[in-house]
PDB file of all heavy atoms in Angstrom:
ATOM      1  N   ASP A   1     -97.879  71.645-112.006  1.00  0.00           N
ATOM      2  CA  ASP A   1     -98.309  70.802-113.064  1.00  0.00           C
ATOM      3  C   ASP A   1     -98.116  71.636-114.313  1.00  0.00           C
ATOM      4  O   ASP A   1     -98.812  72.632-114.478  1.00  0.00           O
ATOM      5  CB  ASP A   1     -99.750  70.320-112.892  1.00  0.00           C
ATOM      6  CG  ASP A   1    -100.164  69.505-114.125  1.00  0.00           C
ATOM      7  OD1 ASP A   1    -100.489  70.046-115.193  1.00  0.00           O
ATOM      8  OD2 ASP A   1    -100.315  68.276-113.928  1.00  0.00           O
ATOM      9  N   LYS A   2     -97.106  71.281-115.145  1.00  0.00           N
ATOM     10  CA  LYS A   2     -96.778  72.245-116.178  1.00  0.00           C
ATOM     11  C   LYS A   2     -97.936  72.546-117.145  1.00  0.00           C
ATOM     12  O   LYS A   2     -98.088  73.684-117.572  1.00  0.00           O
ATOM     13  CB  LYS A   2     -95.546  71.662-117.018  1.00  0.00           C
ATOM     14  CG  LYS A   2     -94.967  72.565-118.055  1.00  0.00           C
ATOM     15  CD  LYS A   2     -93.803  71.934-118.691  1.00  0.00           C
ATOM     16  CE  LYS A   2     -93.147  72.854-119.646  1.00  0.00           C
ATOM     17  NZ  LYS A   2     -91.901  72.315-120.287  1.00  0.00           N
ATOM     18  N   LYS A   3     -98.701  71.521-117.512  1.00  0.00           N
ATOM     19  CA  LYS A   3     -99.733  71.780-118.347  1.00  0.00           C
ATOM     20  C   LYS A   3    -100.859  72.647-117.810  1.00  0.00           C
ATOM     21  O   LYS A   3    -101.381  73.507-118.391  1.00  0.00           O
ATOM     22  CB  LYS A   3    -100.338  70.421-118.866  1.00  0.00           C
ATOM     23  CG  LYS A   3    -101.456  70.517-119.855  1.00  0.00           C
ATOM     24  CD  LYS A   3    -102.003  69.161-120.376  1.00  0.00           C
ATOM     25  CE  LYS A   3    -103.116  69.329-121.373  1.00  0.00           C
ATOM     26  NZ  LYS A   3    -103.614  67.927-121.763  1.00  0.00           N
ATOM     27  N   LYS A   4    -101.172  72.349-116.583  1.00  0.00           N
ATOM     28  CA  LYS A   4    -102.295  73.117-115.926  1.00  0.00           C
ATOM     29  C   LYS A   4    -101.773  74.545-115.695  1.00  0.00           C
ATOM     30  O   LYS A   4    -102.500  75.539-115.873  1.00  0.00           O
ATOM     31  CB  LYS A   4    -102.585  72.530-114.609  1.00  0.00           C
ATOM     32  CG  LYS A   4    -103.730  73.250-113.821  1.00  0.00           C
ATOM     33  CD  LYS A   4    -104.150  72.495-112.503  1.00  0.00           C
ATOM     34  CE  LYS A   4    -105.289  73.351-111.862  1.00  0.00           C
ATOM     35  NZ  LYS A   4    -105.848  72.621-110.671  1.00  0.00           N
ATOM     36  N   PHE A   5    -100.534  74.686-115.251  1.00  0.00           N
ATOM     37  CA  PHE A   5    -100.040  76.022-114.956  1.00  0.00           C
ATOM     38  C   PHE A   5     -99.999  76.882-116.246  1.00  0.00           C
ATOM     39  O   PHE A   5    -100.213  78.158-116.191  1.00  0.00           O
ATOM     40  CB  PHE A   5     -98.569  75.923-114.390  1.00  0.00           C
ATOM     41  CG  PHE A   5     -97.962  77.295-114.106  1.00  0.00           C
ATOM     42  CD1 PHE A   5     -98.448  78.098-113.130  1.00  0.00           C
ATOM     43  CD2 PHE A   5     -96.906  77.708-114.905  1.00  0.00           C
ATOM     44  CE1 PHE A   5     -97.801  79.270-112.920  1.00  0.00           C
ATOM     45  CE2 PHE A   5     -96.341  78.923-114.753  1.00  0.00           C
ATOM     46  CZ  PHE A   5     -96.844  79.794-113.659  1.00  0.00           C
ATOM     47  N   SER A   6     -99.718  76.294-117.348  1.00  0.00           N
ATOM     48  CA  SER A   6     -99.625  77.058-118.628  1.00  0.00           C
ATOM     49  C   SER A   6    -100.961  77.873-118.924  1.00  0.00           C
ATOM     50  O   SER A   6    -101.003  78.898-119.570  1.00  0.00           O
ATOM     51  CB  SER A   6     -99.346  76.113-119.839  1.00  0.00           C
ATOM     52  OG  SER A   6    -100.415  75.236-120.019  1.00  0.00           O
ATOM     53  N   SER A   7    -102.099  77.373-118.419  1.00  0.00           N
ATOM     54  CA  SER A   7    -103.376  78.058-118.646  1.00  0.00           C
ATOM     55  C   SER A   7    -103.518  79.250-117.767  1.00  0.00           C
ATOM     56  O   SER A   7    -104.420  80.117-117.960  1.00  0.00           O
ATOM     57  CB  SER A   7    -104.556  77.090-118.368  1.00  0.00           C
ATOM     58  OG  SER A   7    -104.608  76.692-117.027  1.00  0.00           O
ATOM     59  N   PHE A   8    -102.637  79.441-116.792  1.00  0.00           N
ATOM     60  CA  PHE A   8    -102.675  80.649-115.906  1.00  0.00           C
ATOM     61  C   PHE A   8    -101.697  81.711-116.334  1.00  0.00           C
ATOM     62  O   PHE A   8    -101.728  82.760-115.762  1.00  0.00           O
ATOM     63  CB  PHE A   8    -102.348  80.231-114.474  1.00  0.00           C
ATOM     64  CG  PHE A   8    -103.446  79.390-113.810  1.00  0.00           C
ATOM     65  CD1 PHE A   8    -103.629  78.059-113.975  1.00  0.00           C
ATOM     66  CD2 PHE A   8    -104.298  80.090-112.862  1.00  0.00           C
ATOM     67  CE1 PHE A   8    -104.591  77.378-113.393  1.00  0.00           C
ATOM     68  CE2 PHE A   8    -105.309  79.322-112.230  1.00  0.00           C
ATOM     69  CZ  PHE A   8    -105.505  77.992-112.437  1.00  0.00           C
ATOM     70  N   VAL A   9    -100.867  81.429-117.350  1.00  0.00           N
ATOM     71  CA  VAL A   9     -99.888  82.411-117.822  1.00  0.00           C
ATOM     72  C   VAL A   9    -100.511  83.257-118.914  1.00  0.00           C
ATOM     73  O   VAL A   9    -101.139  82.767-119.840  1.00  0.00           O
ATOM     74  CB  VAL A   9     -98.660  81.613-118.421  1.00  0.00           C
ATOM     75  CG1 VAL A   9     -97.635  82.652-118.966  1.00  0.00           C
ATOM     76  CG2 VAL A   9     -98.027  80.771-117.332  1.00  0.00           C
ATOM     77  N   THR A  10    -100.265  84.493-118.674  1.00  0.00           N
ATOM     78  CA  THR A  10    -100.832  85.611-119.667  1.00  0.00           C
ATOM     79  C   THR A  10     -99.753  86.338-120.287  1.00  0.00           C
ATOM     80  O   THR A  10     -98.741  86.707-119.686  1.00  0.00           O
ATOM     81  CB  THR A  10    -101.691  86.608-118.839  1.00  0.00           C
ATOM     82  OG1 THR A  10    -102.749  85.977-118.171  1.00  0.00           O
ATOM     83  CG2 THR A  10    -102.236  87.666-119.781  1.00  0.00           C
ATOM     84  N   GLU A  11     -99.827  86.499-121.663  1.00  0.00           N
ATOM     85  CA  GLU A  11     -98.895  87.256-122.396  1.00  0.00           C
ATOM     86  C   GLU A  11     -99.182  88.794-122.040  1.00  0.00           C
ATOM     87  O   GLU A  11    -100.342  89.254-122.076  1.00  0.00           O
ATOM     88  CB  GLU A  11     -99.115  87.053-123.819  1.00  0.00           C
ATOM     89  CG  GLU A  11     -98.882  85.662-124.366  1.00  0.00           C
ATOM     90  CD  GLU A  11     -97.398  85.254-124.328  1.00  0.00           C
ATOM     91  OE1 GLU A  11     -96.509  86.171-124.355  1.00  0.00           O
ATOM     92  OE2 GLU A  11     -97.104  84.025-124.217  1.00  0.00           O
ATOM     93  N   CYS A  12     -98.106  89.521-121.776  1.00  0.00           N
ATOM     94  CA  CYS A  12     -98.267  90.862-121.308  1.00  0.00           C
ATOM     95  C   CYS A  12     -97.840  91.908-122.332  1.00  0.00           C
ATOM     96  O   CYS A  12     -96.553  92.142-122.508  1.00  0.00           O
ATOM     97  CB  CYS A  12     -97.484  91.043-120.011  1.00  0.00           C
ATOM     98  SG  CYS A  12     -97.856  89.899-118.703  1.00  0.00           S
ATOM     99  N   ASP A  13     -98.792  92.524-122.991  1.00  0.00           N
ATOM    100  CA  ASP A  13     -98.466  93.732-123.830  1.00  0.00           C
ATOM    101  C   ASP A  13     -98.890  94.906-123.093  1.00  0.00           C
ATOM    102  O   ASP A  13     -99.265  94.859-121.979  1.00  0.00           O
ATOM    103  CB  ASP A  13     -99.125  93.557-125.206  1.00  0.00           C
ATOM    104  CG  ASP A  13    -100.616  93.385-125.094  1.00  0.00           C
ATOM    105  OD1 ASP A  13    -101.131  93.652-123.979  1.00  0.00           O
ATOM    106  OD2 ASP A  13    -101.319  93.120-126.146  1.00  0.00           O
ATOM    107  N   SER A  14     -98.710  96.096-123.747  1.00  0.00           N
ATOM    108  CA  SER A  14     -99.051  97.342-123.005  1.00  0.00           C
ATOM    109  C   SER A  14    -100.456  97.416-122.576  1.00  0.00           C
ATOM    110  O   SER A  14    -100.908  97.961-121.566  1.00  0.00           O
ATOM    111  CB  SER A  14     -98.753  98.541-123.956  1.00  0.00           C
ATOM    112  OG  SER A  14     -99.493  98.493-125.198  1.00  0.00           O
ATOM    113  N   ASN A  15    -101.432  96.786-123.406  1.00  0.00           N
ATOM    114  CA  ASN A  15    -102.824  96.744-123.126  1.00  0.00           C
ATOM    115  C   ASN A  15    -103.052  95.978-121.781  1.00  0.00           C
ATOM    116  O   ASN A  15    -103.987  96.273-120.982  1.00  0.00           O
ATOM    117  CB  ASN A  15    -103.688  96.155-124.200  1.00  0.00           C
ATOM    118  CG  ASN A  15    -103.730  97.029-125.462  1.00  0.00           C
ATOM    119  OD1 ASN A  15    -103.564  98.238-125.324  1.00  0.00           O
ATOM    120  ND2 ASN A  15    -103.984  96.457-126.579  1.00  0.00           N
ATOM    121  N   PHE A  16    -102.288  94.928-121.584  1.00  0.00           N
ATOM    122  CA  PHE A  16    -102.460  94.112-120.352  1.00  0.00           C
ATOM    123  C   PHE A  16    -102.249  94.991-119.149  1.00  0.00           C
ATOM    124  O   PHE A  16    -103.093  94.962-118.118  1.00  0.00           O
ATOM    125  CB  PHE A  16    -101.418  93.014-120.294  1.00  0.00           C
ATOM    126  CG  PHE A  16    -101.397  92.227-119.042  1.00  0.00           C
ATOM    127  CD1 PHE A  16    -102.311  91.246-118.654  1.00  0.00           C
ATOM    128  CD2 PHE A  16    -100.354  92.572-118.075  1.00  0.00           C
ATOM    129  CE1 PHE A  16    -102.223  90.623-117.458  1.00  0.00           C
ATOM    130  CE2 PHE A  16    -100.316  91.891-116.889  1.00  0.00           C
ATOM    131  CZ  PHE A  16    -101.196  90.946-116.571  1.00  0.00           C
ATOM    132  N   PHE A  17    -101.252  95.840-119.088  1.00  0.00           N
ATOM    133  CA  PHE A  17    -101.017  96.687-117.886  1.00  0.00           C
ATOM    134  C   PHE A  17    -102.023  97.732-117.798  1.00  0.00           C
ATOM    135  O   PHE A  17    -102.554  98.076-116.685  1.00  0.00           O
ATOM    136  CB  PHE A  17     -99.525  97.250-117.973  1.00  0.00           C
ATOM    137  CG  PHE A  17     -98.528  96.175-117.986  1.00  0.00           C
ATOM    138  CD1 PHE A  17     -97.829  95.852-119.267  1.00  0.00           C
ATOM    139  CD2 PHE A  17     -98.217  95.456-116.855  1.00  0.00           C
ATOM    140  CE1 PHE A  17     -96.850  94.836-119.197  1.00  0.00           C
ATOM    141  CE2 PHE A  17     -97.227  94.525-116.841  1.00  0.00           C
ATOM    142  CZ  PHE A  17     -96.550  94.148-118.053  1.00  0.00           C
ATOM    143  N   GLU A  18    -102.378  98.379-118.877  1.00  0.00           N
ATOM    144  CA  GLU A  18    -103.373  99.494-118.793  1.00  0.00           C
ATOM    145  C   GLU A  18    -104.780  98.891-118.332  1.00  0.00           C
ATOM    146  O   GLU A  18    -105.493  99.500-117.572  1.00  0.00           O
ATOM    147  CB  GLU A  18    -103.581 100.079-120.183  1.00  0.00           C
ATOM    148  CG  GLU A  18    -102.406 100.949-120.615  1.00  0.00           C
ATOM    149  CD  GLU A  18    -102.397 102.256-119.941  1.00  0.00           C
ATOM    150  OE1 GLU A  18    -103.360 102.585-119.165  1.00  0.00           O
ATOM    151  OE2 GLU A  18    -101.331 102.954-120.027  1.00  0.00           O
ATOM    152  N   ARG A  19    -105.119  97.771-118.821  1.00  0.00           N
ATOM    153  CA  ARG A  19    -106.326  97.093-118.462  1.00  0.00           C
ATOM    154  C   ARG A  19    -106.382  96.787-116.965  1.00  0.00           C
ATOM    155  O   ARG A  19    -107.413  96.956-116.280  1.00  0.00           O
ATOM    156  CB  ARG A  19    -106.613  95.876-119.248  1.00  0.00           C
ATOM    157  CG  ARG A  19    -108.011  95.174-118.928  1.00  0.00           C
ATOM    158  CD  ARG A  19    -108.268  94.048-119.818  1.00  0.00           C
ATOM    159  NE  ARG A  19    -108.704  94.467-121.060  1.00  0.00           N
ATOM    160  CZ  ARG A  19    -108.000  94.439-122.259  1.00  0.00           C
ATOM    161  NH1 ARG A  19    -106.820  94.008-122.217  1.00  0.00           N
ATOM    162  NH2 ARG A  19    -108.558  94.919-123.330  1.00  0.00           N
ATOM    163  N   LEU A  20    -105.255  96.295-116.483  1.00  0.00           N
ATOM    164  CA  LEU A  20    -105.195  95.951-115.047  1.00  0.00           C
ATOM    165  C   LEU A  20    -105.369  97.146-114.107  1.00  0.00           C
ATOM    166  O   LEU A  20    -106.111  96.960-113.087  1.00  0.00           O
ATOM    167  CB  LEU A  20    -103.847  95.302-114.769  1.00  0.00           C
ATOM    168  CG  LEU A  20    -103.656  94.665-113.347  1.00  0.00           C
ATOM    169  CD1 LEU A  20    -104.597  93.467-113.161  1.00  0.00           C
ATOM    170  CD2 LEU A  20    -102.234  94.164-113.113  1.00  0.00           C
ATOM    171  N   ILE A  21    -104.844  98.259-114.427  1.00  0.00           N
ATOM    172  CA  ILE A  21    -104.928  99.337-113.476  1.00  0.00           C
ATOM    173  C   ILE A  21    -106.126 100.292-113.783  1.00  0.00           C
ATOM    174  O   ILE A  21    -106.432 101.258-113.004  1.00  0.00           O
ATOM    175  CB  ILE A  21    -103.669 100.236-113.533  1.00  0.00           C
ATOM    176  CG1 ILE A  21    -103.409 100.957-114.896  1.00  0.00           C
ATOM    177  CG2 ILE A  21    -102.438  99.378-113.063  1.00  0.00           C
ATOM    178  CD1 ILE A  21    -102.281 101.914-114.867  1.00  0.00           C
ATOM    179  N   PHE A  22    -106.852  99.993-114.907  1.00  0.00           N
ATOM    180  CA  PHE A  22    -108.035 100.882-115.201  1.00  0.00           C
ATOM    181  C   PHE A  22    -109.145 100.591-114.193  1.00  0.00           C
ATOM    182  O   PHE A  22    -109.432  99.451-113.940  1.00  0.00           O
ATOM    183  CB  PHE A  22    -108.486 100.603-116.634  1.00  0.00           C
ATOM    184  CG  PHE A  22    -109.703 101.529-117.026  1.00  0.00           C
ATOM    185  CD1 PHE A  22    -109.391 102.708-117.591  1.00  0.00           C
ATOM    186  CD2 PHE A  22    -110.941 101.126-116.827  1.00  0.00           C
ATOM    187  CE1 PHE A  22    -110.433 103.572-118.020  1.00  0.00           C
ATOM    188  CE2 PHE A  22    -111.945 101.914-117.255  1.00  0.00           C
ATOM    189  CZ  PHE A  22    -111.778 103.080-117.824  1.00  0.00           C
ATOM    190  N   LYS A  23    -109.670 101.604-113.716  1.00  0.00           N
ATOM    191  CA  LYS A  23    -110.765 101.567-112.699  1.00  0.00           C
ATOM    192  C   LYS A  23    -112.109 101.861-113.314  1.00  0.00           C
ATOM    193  O   LYS A  23    -112.324 103.033-113.686  1.00  0.00           O
ATOM    194  CB  LYS A  23    -110.468 102.374-111.536  1.00  0.00           C
ATOM    195  CG  LYS A  23    -109.329 102.045-110.677  1.00  0.00           C
ATOM    196  CD  LYS A  23    -109.116 102.958-109.483  1.00  0.00           C
ATOM    197  CE  LYS A  23    -107.861 102.482-108.667  1.00  0.00           C
ATOM    198  NZ  LYS A  23    -107.680 103.440-107.451  1.00  0.00           N
ATOM    199  N   PRO A  24    -112.930 100.866-113.551  1.00  0.00           N
ATOM    200  CA  PRO A  24    -114.262 101.183-114.098  1.00  0.00           C
ATOM    201  C   PRO A  24    -115.006 102.115-113.322  1.00  0.00           C
ATOM    202  O   PRO A  24    -114.877 102.151-112.092  1.00  0.00           O
ATOM    203  CB  PRO A  24    -114.938  99.793-114.241  1.00  0.00           C
ATOM    204  CG  PRO A  24    -113.809  98.786-114.135  1.00  0.00           C
ATOM    205  CD  PRO A  24    -112.752  99.400-113.291  1.00  0.00           C
TER     206      PRO A  24
END
């Protein structure tokens, strides 16, 4: 469902990748 799927898409900048692998 194109409209619903769009809400699952994330724009990926450098912070996105750093945040993903950062271990609290």
